[in-house]
C-alpha cells in the first residue's frame, strides 16, 4: 500500500509541475525544490514543456533514485549478466529482485543523470536477481512454499527420485497407461494408485542467485526435508538390527531406514556392521504422497475349536483322537494406504480358500477341556508380520511378530495347553508360558500388561491371552514368540509357514 501511495504522490507532483509550467507567472517555477527526496542525491536541473520519460527505482516504497537513460542502464545490466552469470545461467537475464522495483513516470523536468551511481548502489545492496523457474506448492488455503530451480529437468528428476521411495517408476508408468489392472495371482504387493495431495505449479519469476537450486541433489533434498536443516545420524553398535535402530530413532520400520540409506542398506534383513553411520532423519517433506497398494498373502485358515465327545469306554482323564485337526490355507487380498512410506491403514478385500481346514475331534473319558496340544500351531497374532526372525541377531532364538494393521493387537494361544508361567522380567517384560503337555511349550514376551490368564488355566488354541506391547527390553511394540521342544528352543518356522507372511 505504501508503494502505491508513493507513486500517487509522485504523479500528483508531476501534475502540479505541469500546472505551474502552464502559468504565466515565472516566479512559480522557482518555488519547486531542486532536490529529489531519494536515497541517493539527485537534483532537478530545470523544467520544460516537453514530457520526459523516467524510471523511478524503489526499495519497498522508499525512492532510491531515478534512471534517466533506461536504454544505457539496461545495456550495462546486460553486460553485467554476460560477465557474471551467463555461463552458469544461460538464456535468461537479470533484473530487480526482492523488494526492489521500478515505476515508469512521465514528468516535465530535466533531472541529474546518476545512472552509474544508482547501478553501483543496486549492486552493492544485492538488488538484482535472475529470471528463472519458480515452483509454488499450494493447498486450498493458498501457496505455502516456493522454490527456485535453474533447470526444470533437475526438478522433474528429483521429483521422480523422491516418488521412487514409495512407488516405482515402472508402477507409475503402468498406472498412467489407464488400462485395467489384472487380478493378482502371485503372493506379493503392488501399487494400484497414487497421488500427491498438494498442488505443484511452475512459472517464471525472479530470484536471488543464492536462492536458486542448481542441481538435482539440491531439489531432491528439498523434496525429502523441505526447510528442515536438522539431520540425525546413528553409529551402528555390535548386535544392532535395522528393527532396533528404527525403533530407537523415531520408531521407524526397517524399510524406512533402508529408504534413507540407499547406498548402504540393500535389504531389510541385512546384517549391520558396527561403525556404519546411518541417516535416521525421516522425511519431513513439503508434499504428501499417498500410495494405495494391494497385498496378496498366503494365510493359514484355522479350524473351529476341537469337538470334544465323551466316551464311556475311556478312563476319566484319558483322550483319543478321532479326527486330527488340520490348518487350511487361503489367498487373502488386502488393500493398504501408505503416506510418505508409512503404512496407515489396511483391510481385507477378498479371501479365496485353497485348502479347507479340518476340525479336530477327540474323545475323552469325562466332560472337560483337553489340555494337550495338537502339535499344529497357529500364529499368535492376526495380520502377522515377522519383524525380526530366528537369529536376527546373536542369541535371538525366537520370532518377533507384529499385527500389520493393529499396533496393540491381541495375542492368542498358539495351541491347547496349560499356563505354567506368568511373570515379568527386565528383558521380556510381561510374559506368559504355555505347556502343551506333549513336549512343546510356547513363550509370549513383551505383553503390554500382565496376561489375561493365570497359572494353572487351561487354554484352547486361539484363546486370547493378552495384548502385545513393548515392556522389558523391546525395540518396539511386538510379541516375542518362542517354541520349545523338551525345553530346547526350536525355530518356529519349522512348524509354521514363515515365508508366506514375513
Protein backbone atom coordinates (compact mmCIF):
# COMPACT_ATOMS: atom_id res chain seq x y z
CA UNK A 1 0.00 0.00 0.00
CA UNK A 2 2.85 2.39 0.87
CA UNK A 3 4.36 1.76 -2.59
CA UNK A 4 1.14 2.85 -4.28
CA UNK A 5 0.93 5.97 -2.11
CA UNK A 6 4.50 6.94 -3.12
CA UNK A 7 3.72 6.54 -6.81
CA UNK A 8 0.47 8.53 -6.49
CA UNK A 9 2.28 11.34 -4.68
CA UNK A 10 4.91 11.42 -7.43
CA UNK A 11 2.22 11.66 -10.09
CA UNK A 12 0.48 14.47 -8.23
CA UNK A 13 3.77 16.38 -8.05
CA UNK A 14 4.18 15.98 -11.82
CA UNK A 15 0.67 17.33 -12.39
CA UNK A 16 1.44 20.31 -10.15
CA UNK A 17 4.57 20.96 -12.21
CA UNK A 18 2.53 20.86 -15.42
CA UNK A 19 0.10 23.32 -13.88
CA UNK A 20 2.91 25.64 -12.79
CA UNK A 21 4.61 25.49 -16.21
CA UNK A 22 1.31 26.46 -17.80
CA UNK A 23 1.14 29.59 -15.66
CA UNK A 24 2.36 32.92 -16.91
CA UNK A 25 3.85 33.61 -13.50
CA UNK A 26 7.53 32.62 -13.90
CA UNK A 27 8.14 33.04 -10.19
CA UNK A 28 6.01 29.95 -9.58
CA UNK A 29 8.64 27.74 -11.30
CA UNK A 30 11.27 28.81 -8.84
CA UNK A 31 9.11 27.65 -5.95
CA UNK A 32 9.63 23.97 -6.85
CA UNK A 33 12.51 22.36 -4.96
CA UNK A 34 15.55 21.24 -6.92
CA UNK A 35 16.30 18.32 -4.57
CA UNK A 36 14.64 14.92 -5.02
CA UNK A 37 13.87 13.05 -1.82
CA UNK A 38 15.62 9.81 -2.75
CA UNK A 39 18.21 7.63 -1.04
CA UNK A 40 20.80 8.98 -3.50
CA UNK A 41 21.41 12.69 -4.03
CA UNK A 42 19.80 13.76 -7.29
CA UNK A 43 18.82 17.25 -8.47
CA UNK A 44 16.24 18.72 -10.79
CA UNK A 45 18.16 20.72 -13.36
CA UNK A 46 15.26 22.55 -14.94
CA UNK A 47 11.72 22.41 -16.32
CA UNK A 48 10.35 22.07 -19.81
CA UNK A 49 7.04 21.91 -21.64
CA UNK A 50 8.21 18.65 -23.24
CA UNK A 51 7.38 15.47 -21.31
CA UNK A 52 10.32 13.29 -20.26
CA UNK A 53 10.20 9.53 -19.54
CA UNK A 54 11.94 8.40 -16.35
CA UNK A 55 12.10 5.24 -14.26
CA UNK A 56 11.98 5.61 -10.50
CA UNK A 57 13.69 2.84 -8.51
CA UNK A 58 12.22 1.92 -5.12
CA UNK A 59 13.18 -0.30 -2.24
CA UNK A 60 9.96 -1.33 -0.50
CA UNK A 61 8.37 2.04 -1.22
CA UNK A 62 11.44 4.16 -0.47
CA UNK A 63 12.74 6.04 -3.51
CA UNK A 64 16.38 5.21 -4.26
CA UNK A 65 16.91 7.27 -7.41
CA UNK A 66 15.66 7.92 -10.92
CA UNK A 67 17.05 6.35 -14.10
CA UNK A 68 17.39 8.97 -16.83
CA UNK A 69 18.73 6.78 -19.68
CA UNK A 70 16.91 3.45 -19.47
CA UNK A 71 18.50 2.05 -22.62
CA UNK A 72 22.04 2.67 -21.35
CA UNK A 73 21.12 1.33 -17.91
CA UNK A 74 19.71 -1.88 -19.44
CA UNK A 75 22.83 -2.29 -21.58
CA UNK A 76 25.06 -2.09 -18.52
CA UNK A 77 22.79 -4.60 -16.76
CA UNK A 78 23.06 -6.98 -19.71
CA UNK A 79 26.86 -6.59 -19.81
CA UNK A 80 26.99 -7.43 -16.11
CA UNK A 81 24.84 -10.52 -16.71
CA UNK A 82 27.06 -11.70 -19.56
CA UNK A 83 30.18 -11.18 -17.47
CA UNK A 84 28.98 -12.66 -14.17
CA UNK A 85 26.12 -15.11 -14.76
CA UNK A 86 25.66 -16.11 -18.40
CA UNK A 87 27.98 -19.12 -18.06
CA UNK A 88 26.06 -20.59 -15.10
CA UNK A 89 22.62 -19.28 -16.05
CA UNK A 90 22.43 -19.16 -19.86
CA UNK A 91 19.44 -17.98 -21.89
CA UNK A 92 17.98 -15.68 -19.27
CA UNK A 93 18.63 -12.22 -17.81
CA UNK A 94 18.89 -10.30 -14.56
CA UNK A 95 16.57 -7.65 -13.23
CA UNK A 96 15.50 -6.11 -9.93
CA UNK A 97 14.51 -8.64 -7.27
CA UNK A 98 13.04 -8.80 -3.79
CA UNK A 99 11.58 -5.51 -2.57
CA UNK A 100 13.26 -3.52 -5.35
CA UNK A 101 11.11 -2.39 -8.27
CA UNK A 102 10.77 0.31 -10.95
CA UNK A 103 7.91 2.68 -11.68
CA UNK A 104 7.70 4.47 -15.02
CA UNK A 105 6.92 8.18 -14.84
CA UNK A 106 6.26 10.97 -17.33
CA UNK A 107 7.48 14.32 -15.97
CA UNK A 108 8.11 17.86 -17.20
CA UNK A 109 11.53 18.42 -15.78
CA UNK A 110 15.12 17.50 -16.50
CA UNK A 111 16.99 15.67 -13.75
CA UNK A 112 20.61 14.95 -12.99
CA UNK A 113 21.96 11.70 -14.50
CA UNK A 114 23.21 9.47 -11.69
CA UNK A 115 22.59 6.18 -13.56
CA UNK A 116 26.09 4.82 -12.84
CA UNK A 117 25.88 5.66 -9.15
CA UNK A 118 22.40 4.13 -8.98
CA UNK A 119 23.59 0.94 -10.70
CA UNK A 120 26.55 0.65 -8.30
CA UNK A 121 24.22 1.20 -5.34
CA UNK A 122 21.93 -1.61 -6.51
CA UNK A 123 24.90 -3.93 -6.98
CA UNK A 124 26.21 -3.13 -3.53
CA UNK A 125 22.79 -3.85 -1.98
CA UNK A 126 22.31 -7.12 -3.89
CA UNK A 127 19.20 -5.79 -5.57
CA UNK A 128 19.39 -7.91 -8.73
CA UNK A 129 18.09 -11.40 -9.38
CA UNK A 130 17.93 -13.99 -12.16
CA UNK A 131 14.81 -14.71 -14.16
CA UNK A 132 14.31 -18.43 -13.51
CA UNK A 133 11.81 -21.22 -12.86
CA UNK A 134 9.54 -20.73 -9.87
CA UNK A 135 7.72 -23.70 -8.27
CA UNK A 136 4.81 -22.99 -5.93
CA UNK A 137 3.44 -25.60 -3.54
CA UNK A 138 -0.15 -24.93 -2.51
CA UNK A 139 -3.30 -26.29 -0.92
CA UNK A 140 -6.83 -24.92 -0.92
CA UNK A 141 -5.57 -22.39 1.62
CA UNK A 142 -3.04 -20.96 -0.84
CA UNK A 143 0.70 -21.15 -1.52
CA UNK A 144 2.63 -22.43 1.48
CA UNK A 145 6.10 -22.90 -0.06
CA UNK A 146 8.07 -21.62 -3.06
CA UNK A 147 11.40 -22.74 -4.52
CA UNK A 148 13.51 -21.56 -7.45
CA UNK A 149 15.12 -24.01 -9.84
CA UNK A 150 17.65 -23.33 -12.57
CA UNK A 151 16.67 -26.26 -14.79
CA UNK A 152 13.22 -27.90 -14.83
CA UNK A 153 14.88 -31.18 -15.82
CA UNK A 154 16.53 -31.21 -12.37
CA UNK A 155 13.15 -30.63 -10.76
CA UNK A 156 11.45 -33.44 -12.68
CA UNK A 157 14.30 -35.87 -11.98
CA UNK A 158 14.30 -35.01 -8.26
CA UNK A 159 10.53 -35.43 -8.00
CA UNK A 160 10.72 -38.80 -9.75
CA UNK A 161 13.58 -39.87 -7.49
CA UNK A 162 11.56 -38.88 -4.40
CA UNK A 163 8.48 -40.75 -5.63
CA UNK A 164 10.64 -43.83 -6.24
CA UNK A 165 10.94 -44.17 -2.47
CA UNK A 166 7.24 -45.02 -2.33
CA UNK A 167 6.21 -46.23 -5.79
CA UNK A 168 8.49 -47.36 -8.60
CA UNK A 169 8.75 -45.62 -11.94
CA UNK A 170 7.50 -48.82 -13.62
CA UNK A 171 4.39 -48.82 -11.44
CA UNK A 172 3.75 -45.14 -12.14
CA UNK A 173 4.06 -45.72 -15.87
CA UNK A 174 1.70 -48.68 -15.68
CA UNK A 175 -0.89 -46.69 -13.75
CA UNK A 176 -0.57 -43.75 -16.15
CA UNK A 177 -1.46 -46.07 -19.03
CA UNK A 178 -5.04 -46.09 -17.69
CA UNK A 179 -5.51 -49.76 -18.54
CA UNK A 180 -7.39 -52.00 -16.11
CA UNK A 181 -5.13 -53.93 -13.73
CA UNK A 182 -5.23 -57.68 -13.99
CA UNK A 183 -6.23 -59.71 -10.96
CA UNK A 184 -3.30 -60.58 -8.68
CA UNK A 185 -2.36 -64.26 -8.88
CA UNK A 186 1.00 -64.28 -7.08
CA UNK A 187 1.77 -63.52 -3.46
CA UNK A 188 3.25 -60.02 -3.10
CA UNK A 189 2.46 -56.32 -3.16
CA UNK A 190 1.70 -53.86 -5.93
CA UNK A 191 0.62 -50.24 -6.20
CA UNK A 192 -2.87 -49.67 -7.59
CA UNK A 193 -2.92 -45.88 -7.28
CA UNK A 194 -1.03 -42.85 -6.03
CA UNK A 195 -1.42 -39.12 -5.75
CA UNK A 196 0.33 -36.04 -4.42
CA UNK A 197 -2.09 -34.25 -2.11
CA UNK A 198 -0.71 -30.76 -2.68
CA UNK A 199 -0.79 -28.77 -5.94
CA UNK A 200 2.54 -28.01 -7.63
CA UNK A 201 2.63 -25.23 -10.24
CA UNK A 202 5.52 -23.70 -12.14
CA UNK A 203 6.02 -20.28 -13.71
CA UNK A 204 8.82 -17.83 -14.43
CA UNK A 205 9.97 -15.33 -11.83
CA UNK A 206 12.95 -13.51 -10.37
CA UNK A 207 15.13 -14.93 -7.59
CA UNK A 208 18.40 -14.07 -5.89
CA UNK A 209 21.22 -16.24 -7.21
CA UNK A 210 21.87 -17.84 -3.82
CA UNK A 211 18.21 -18.92 -3.61
CA UNK A 212 18.24 -20.86 -6.90
CA UNK A 213 18.69 -24.63 -6.77
CA UNK A 214 21.19 -25.59 -9.44
CA UNK A 215 21.24 -29.41 -9.43
CA UNK A 216 19.09 -32.49 -8.85
CA UNK A 217 20.53 -33.26 -5.41
CA UNK A 218 19.51 -29.87 -4.03
CA UNK A 219 15.95 -30.26 -5.29
CA UNK A 220 15.75 -33.86 -4.05
CA UNK A 221 16.93 -32.78 -0.61
CA UNK A 222 14.12 -30.22 -0.56
CA UNK A 223 11.56 -32.86 -1.53
CA UNK A 224 12.81 -35.01 1.35
CA UNK A 225 13.09 -32.39 4.09
CA UNK A 226 11.68 -29.04 2.94
CA UNK A 227 13.16 -26.23 5.01
CA UNK A 228 14.24 -28.63 7.77
CA UNK A 229 18.03 -28.35 8.07
CA UNK A 230 18.42 -30.67 11.06
CA UNK A 231 19.84 -34.15 10.43
CA UNK A 232 20.40 -37.02 12.82
CA UNK A 233 22.80 -39.90 12.36
CA UNK A 234 23.34 -43.14 14.22
CA UNK A 235 26.56 -45.14 14.55
CA UNK A 236 25.82 -48.87 14.45
CA UNK A 237 26.84 -50.81 17.55
CA UNK A 238 27.58 -54.53 17.93
CA UNK A 239 24.33 -56.50 17.86
CA UNK A 240 22.22 -53.75 16.29
CA UNK A 241 19.42 -54.69 13.90
CA UNK A 242 17.51 -52.49 11.48
CA UNK A 243 14.42 -53.04 13.61
CA UNK A 244 16.19 -51.85 16.74
CA UNK A 245 17.87 -48.87 15.06
CA UNK A 246 14.49 -47.79 13.68
CA UNK A 247 12.66 -48.15 16.98
CA UNK A 248 15.17 -46.12 18.97
CA UNK A 249 15.24 -43.41 16.27
CA UNK A 250 11.67 -42.27 15.76
CA UNK A 251 10.08 -45.75 15.74
CA UNK A 252 10.85 -46.22 12.04
CA UNK A 253 10.48 -49.51 10.19
CA UNK A 254 13.45 -51.35 8.61
CA UNK A 255 12.02 -50.34 5.22
CA UNK A 256 12.20 -46.68 6.20
CA UNK A 257 15.80 -46.96 7.41
CA UNK A 258 16.68 -48.66 4.11
CA UNK A 259 14.90 -45.85 2.23
CA UNK A 260 17.04 -43.22 3.95
CA UNK A 261 20.30 -45.09 3.33
CA UNK A 262 20.05 -46.48 -0.21
CA UNK A 263 23.82 -46.63 -0.68
CA UNK A 264 24.36 -48.74 2.45
CA UNK A 265 21.24 -50.76 3.20
CA UNK A 266 20.02 -53.08 0.44
CA UNK A 267 17.73 -55.45 2.35
CA UNK A 268 15.57 -55.28 5.47
CA UNK A 269 17.30 -58.49 6.58
CA UNK A 270 20.80 -57.06 6.16
CA UNK A 271 23.27 -57.72 8.98
CA UNK A 272 24.60 -54.37 10.15
CA UNK A 273 28.33 -53.76 10.51
CA UNK A 274 29.47 -51.93 13.66
CA UNK A 275 30.68 -48.45 12.80
CA UNK A 276 28.23 -47.86 9.95
CA UNK A 277 26.88 -44.30 10.04
CA UNK A 278 23.17 -44.30 9.18
CA UNK A 279 20.89 -41.39 8.41
CA UNK A 280 17.97 -41.66 10.84
CA UNK A 281 16.18 -38.42 9.97
CA UNK A 282 12.91 -39.45 8.36
CA UNK A 283 11.33 -37.37 5.62
CA UNK A 284 9.73 -34.08 6.64
CA UNK A 285 8.63 -33.47 3.08
CA UNK A 286 6.70 -30.41 1.86
CA UNK A 287 4.47 -32.79 -0.12
CA UNK A 288 2.30 -35.74 0.86
CA UNK A 289 2.49 -38.84 -1.35
CA UNK A 290 -0.39 -41.27 -0.83
CA UNK A 291 0.05 -44.72 -2.36
CA UNK A 292 -2.71 -47.32 -2.41
CA UNK A 293 -1.45 -50.89 -2.56
CA UNK A 294 -2.84 -54.39 -2.93
CA UNK A 295 -1.15 -57.11 -0.89
CA UNK A 296 -1.88 -60.76 -1.70
CA UNK A 297 -0.85 -63.20 1.02
CA UNK A 298 -0.98 -66.92 1.57
CA UNK A 299 -2.52 -67.27 5.03
CA UNK A 300 -3.48 -70.02 7.42
CA UNK A 301 -7.16 -70.76 7.92
CA UNK A 302 -7.75 -72.15 11.37
CA UNK A 303 -10.44 -74.73 12.08
CA UNK A 304 -13.04 -74.21 14.74
CA UNK A 305 -12.18 -75.41 18.22
CA UNK A 306 -11.82 -79.14 18.62
CA UNK A 307 -15.05 -81.07 19.19
CA UNK A 308 -14.91 -82.99 22.45
CA UNK A 309 -17.17 -86.00 22.94
CA UNK A 310 -17.50 -88.35 25.88
CA UNK A 311 -16.64 -92.00 25.50
CA UNK A 312 -17.70 -94.37 28.26
CA UNK A 313 -15.07 -96.87 27.16
CA UNK A 314 -12.23 -94.46 28.04
CA UNK A 315 -10.86 -93.89 31.51
CA UNK A 316 -11.51 -90.49 33.08
CA UNK A 317 -8.75 -88.10 32.11
CA UNK A 318 -7.72 -90.06 29.02
CA UNK A 319 -8.22 -88.83 25.46
CA UNK A 320 -8.32 -90.38 22.00
CA UNK A 321 -8.06 -88.55 18.68
CA UNK A 322 -10.88 -89.42 16.33
CA UNK A 323 -10.16 -86.81 13.65
CA UNK A 324 -6.85 -84.98 13.53
CA UNK A 325 -7.07 -81.21 13.29
CA UNK A 326 -5.54 -79.65 10.17
CA UNK A 327 -4.98 -75.99 9.30
CA UNK A 328 -6.27 -74.85 5.93
CA UNK A 329 -4.93 -72.08 3.70
CA UNK A 330 -6.24 -69.17 1.67
CA UNK A 331 -5.17 -66.41 -0.66
CA UNK A 332 -6.18 -63.21 1.11
CA UNK A 333 -6.14 -59.83 -0.62
CA UNK A 334 -5.67 -56.65 1.42
CA UNK A 335 -5.88 -53.00 0.39
CA UNK A 336 -3.42 -50.71 2.16
CA UNK A 337 -2.90 -46.95 2.35
CA UNK A 338 0.67 -45.66 2.67
CA UNK A 339 1.51 -41.99 3.35
CA UNK A 340 5.11 -40.98 2.54
CA UNK A 341 6.21 -44.57 3.06
CA UNK A 342 4.33 -45.15 6.32
CA UNK A 343 1.56 -47.78 6.44
CA UNK A 344 -1.55 -46.01 7.76
CA UNK A 345 -4.47 -48.40 7.18
CA UNK A 346 -5.24 -51.80 5.73
CA UNK A 347 -8.28 -54.00 5.32
CA UNK A 348 -9.18 -57.33 3.77
CA UNK A 349 -10.97 -57.09 0.43
CA UNK A 350 -11.28 -60.74 -0.58
CA UNK A 351 -10.39 -64.26 0.51
CA UNK A 352 -10.12 -67.43 -1.58
CA UNK A 353 -9.88 -70.72 0.30
CA UNK A 354 -7.29 -73.08 -1.16
CA UNK A 355 -7.41 -75.84 1.45
CA UNK A 356 -10.31 -76.19 3.83
CA UNK A 357 -9.38 -76.56 7.50
CA UNK A 358 -10.33 -79.78 9.24
CA UNK A 359 -11.87 -79.56 12.67
CA UNK A 360 -10.36 -81.87 15.27
CA UNK A 361 -12.48 -84.41 17.10
CA UNK A 362 -11.33 -86.08 20.30
CA UNK A 363 -12.99 -88.47 22.71
CA UNK A 364 -12.42 -88.06 26.44
CA UNK A 365 -13.32 -90.13 29.43
CA UNK A 366 -15.09 -87.19 31.16
CA UNK A 367 -16.52 -83.88 30.04
CA UNK A 368 -13.58 -81.48 30.31
CA UNK A 369 -11.39 -79.23 28.19
CA UNK A 370 -8.46 -81.11 26.70
CA UNK A 371 -5.17 -79.60 27.85
CA UNK A 372 -2.95 -81.47 25.41
CA UNK A 373 -1.80 -79.63 22.31
CA UNK A 374 -2.40 -80.79 18.79
CA UNK A 375 1.20 -80.13 17.71
CA UNK A 376 -0.29 -77.96 14.95
CA UNK A 377 0.45 -74.31 15.84
CA UNK A 378 -1.37 -71.15 14.79
CA UNK A 379 0.15 -67.65 14.62
CA UNK A 380 -0.19 -65.80 17.93
CA UNK A 381 -1.42 -62.57 16.20
CA UNK A 382 -3.68 -61.68 13.28
CA UNK A 383 -2.32 -59.97 10.14
CA UNK A 384 1.02 -61.46 11.01
CA UNK A 385 4.30 -59.83 10.03
CA UNK A 386 7.73 -61.01 11.23
CA UNK A 387 9.90 -58.02 12.13
CA UNK A 388 12.91 -59.95 13.43
CA UNK A 389 13.44 -63.59 12.52
CA UNK A 390 15.24 -66.54 14.00
CA UNK A 391 18.81 -65.43 14.84
CA UNK A 392 18.02 -61.96 13.52
CA UNK A 393 20.81 -61.01 15.88
CA UNK A 394 23.12 -63.06 18.04
CA UNK A 395 21.19 -65.06 20.64
CA UNK A 396 17.73 -64.31 19.20
CA UNK A 397 16.19 -67.80 19.25
CA UNK A 398 12.65 -66.62 18.54
CA UNK A 399 10.44 -64.66 16.17
CA UNK A 400 9.37 -61.07 16.80
CA UNK A 401 5.88 -60.61 15.38
CA UNK A 402 3.53 -57.67 14.90
CA UNK A 403 -0.02 -57.15 13.64
CA UNK A 404 0.36 -55.12 10.42
CA UNK A 405 -2.81 -53.10 10.95
CA UNK A 406 -3.30 -53.00 14.73
CA UNK A 407 -0.37 -51.69 16.74
CA UNK A 408 -1.51 -53.14 20.06
CA UNK A 409 -3.05 -56.32 18.68
CA UNK A 410 -4.42 -59.26 20.64
CA UNK A 411 -2.12 -62.21 21.40
CA UNK A 412 -3.62 -65.70 21.05
CA UNK A 413 -2.59 -69.14 22.34
CA UNK A 414 -0.76 -70.99 19.58
CA UNK A 415 -2.14 -74.38 20.72
CA UNK A 416 -4.05 -76.05 23.56
CA UNK A 417 -2.26 -76.28 26.87
CA UNK A 418 -1.86 -75.18 30.48
CA UNK A 419 -0.44 -71.85 31.63
CA UNK A 420 2.68 -72.68 33.65
CA UNK A 421 4.37 -69.26 33.90
CA UNK A 422 3.09 -65.69 34.11
CA UNK A 423 5.58 -63.09 35.25
CA UNK A 424 7.76 -60.06 34.43
CA UNK A 425 11.48 -59.58 33.94
CA UNK A 426 13.68 -56.76 32.65
CA UNK A 427 14.30 -58.47 29.30
CA UNK A 428 10.94 -59.99 28.33
CA UNK A 429 8.69 -57.58 30.22
CA UNK A 430 5.30 -59.17 30.86
CA UNK A 431 5.44 -62.73 29.58
CA UNK A 432 3.48 -65.99 29.74
CA UNK A 433 4.44 -69.63 29.05
CA UNK A 434 2.01 -72.33 27.95
CA UNK A 435 2.85 -76.05 28.38
CA UNK A 436 1.11 -78.03 25.67
CA UNK A 437 1.55 -81.33 27.55
CA UNK A 438 3.13 -83.02 24.56
CA UNK A 439 6.76 -81.92 24.91
CA UNK A 440 6.10 -78.46 23.44
CA UNK A 441 5.92 -75.13 25.25
CA UNK A 442 5.30 -71.68 23.76
CA UNK A 443 6.55 -68.36 25.14
CA UNK A 444 5.00 -64.90 24.62
CA UNK A 445 7.02 -61.84 25.70
CA UNK A 446 6.67 -58.01 25.88
CA UNK A 447 2.91 -58.04 26.62
CA UNK A 448 1.61 -54.56 27.39
CA UNK A 449 0.33 -55.72 30.78
CA UNK A 450 0.15 -59.00 32.73
CA UNK A 451 -1.52 -61.77 30.72
CA UNK A 452 -5.29 -62.26 30.86
CA UNK A 453 -4.79 -65.85 32.05
CA UNK A 454 -3.45 -67.27 35.30
CA UNK A 455 -1.05 -70.08 36.14
CA UNK A 456 -2.94 -73.38 36.02
CA UNK A 457 -5.54 -72.17 33.48
CA UNK A 458 -6.31 -74.46 30.58
CA UNK A 459 -6.35 -72.59 27.25
CA UNK A 460 -7.54 -73.64 23.84
CA UNK A 461 -5.80 -72.79 20.59
CA UNK A 462 -6.91 -69.28 19.60
CA UNK A 463 -7.90 -68.19 23.12
CA UNK A 464 -6.95 -64.60 23.93
CA UNK A 465 -4.08 -64.49 26.41
CA UNK A 466 -3.08 -60.80 26.32
CA UNK A 467 -2.13 -57.73 24.27
CA UNK A 468 1.23 -57.12 22.60
CA UNK A 469 3.32 -54.23 23.89
CA UNK A 470 6.93 -53.15 24.39
CA UNK A 471 7.59 -53.91 28.06
CA UNK A 472 11.06 -55.04 29.09
CA UNK A 473 13.93 -54.63 26.63
CA UNK A 474 11.96 -54.16 23.41
CA UNK A 475 12.73 -52.24 20.22
CA UNK A 476 9.05 -51.60 19.52
CA UNK A 477 5.57 -52.97 20.03
CA UNK A 478 5.62 -56.69 19.19
CA UNK A 479 5.31 -60.16 20.71
CA UNK A 480 8.45 -62.23 21.27
CA UNK A 481 7.34 -65.76 20.31
CA UNK A 482 9.23 -68.96 21.09
CA UNK A 483 8.52 -72.65 20.55
CA UNK A 484 10.37 -75.01 22.89
CA UNK A 485 10.59 -78.77 22.49
CA UNK A 486 11.73 -80.56 25.65
CA UNK A 487 12.82 -77.12 26.87
CA UNK A 488 15.08 -76.53 23.83
CA UNK A 489 14.23 -73.50 21.70
CA UNK A 490 13.26 -74.54 18.17
CA UNK A 491 12.90 -72.30 15.13
CA UNK A 492 9.11 -71.74 14.85
CA UNK A 493 9.44 -71.64 11.08
CA UNK A 494 9.98 -75.42 11.17
CA UNK A 495 6.34 -75.78 12.24
CA UNK A 496 4.78 -72.66 10.68
CA UNK A 497 4.76 -71.13 7.19
CA UNK A 498 7.04 -68.13 7.73
CA UNK A 499 7.70 -67.45 4.06
CA UNK A 500 4.08 -66.60 3.42
CA UNK A 501 3.88 -63.81 5.99
CA UNK A 502 7.38 -62.41 6.60
